[in-house]
Amino acid sequence: MIHLQDEMSDLNLGFKDCLFYKSGDISQEVYNLVLYSILKFDQQQQAAFFEAVMNGDGDTVSAYHGQYFSYTLDALKEHVNSFLEQLDALQANAQSKDPATHPRVPVILAHNDFVRQTFLAVKANLDTMG
């Protein structure tokens, strides 16, 4: 989601808000962020969605999510799959290091494994959605 920093700023979101959970769940802020970025193609729709989010108008926000869910789902799947590919490359790089000369490698590998398991759970969750 790092490529959506401008949109995050618009929605007053920080990285602490945009969460993927070990259970495979995704924070509402992520869904809102992704849909807000998708709605760039129609600035009027984007502005209306923005207003609904900022005003806490859950009915309108839900209606937008219902209307554009397939686009949001595709964008989230693309993000998760891309992230998993990047993580695999980082993991391979870390595994190629000698722990004797790089003493933090075991911690990095454990962290990467935790993140990978989280994103695999998110992927499984998204895959059940369509």
Foldseek 3Di string as FASTA:
>chain_A
DVVLVVLCVLLVHDPVQFDQDLQLDTHPVVLLSLLLVVCPVPVVVSVVLSVCSVVVVVVVVVVSCVVCVVVSLVVVLVVLVVVLVVLVVVLVVLVVDDCVVVVCSVVVNVVSVSVNSRSVSNNVVSVVVD
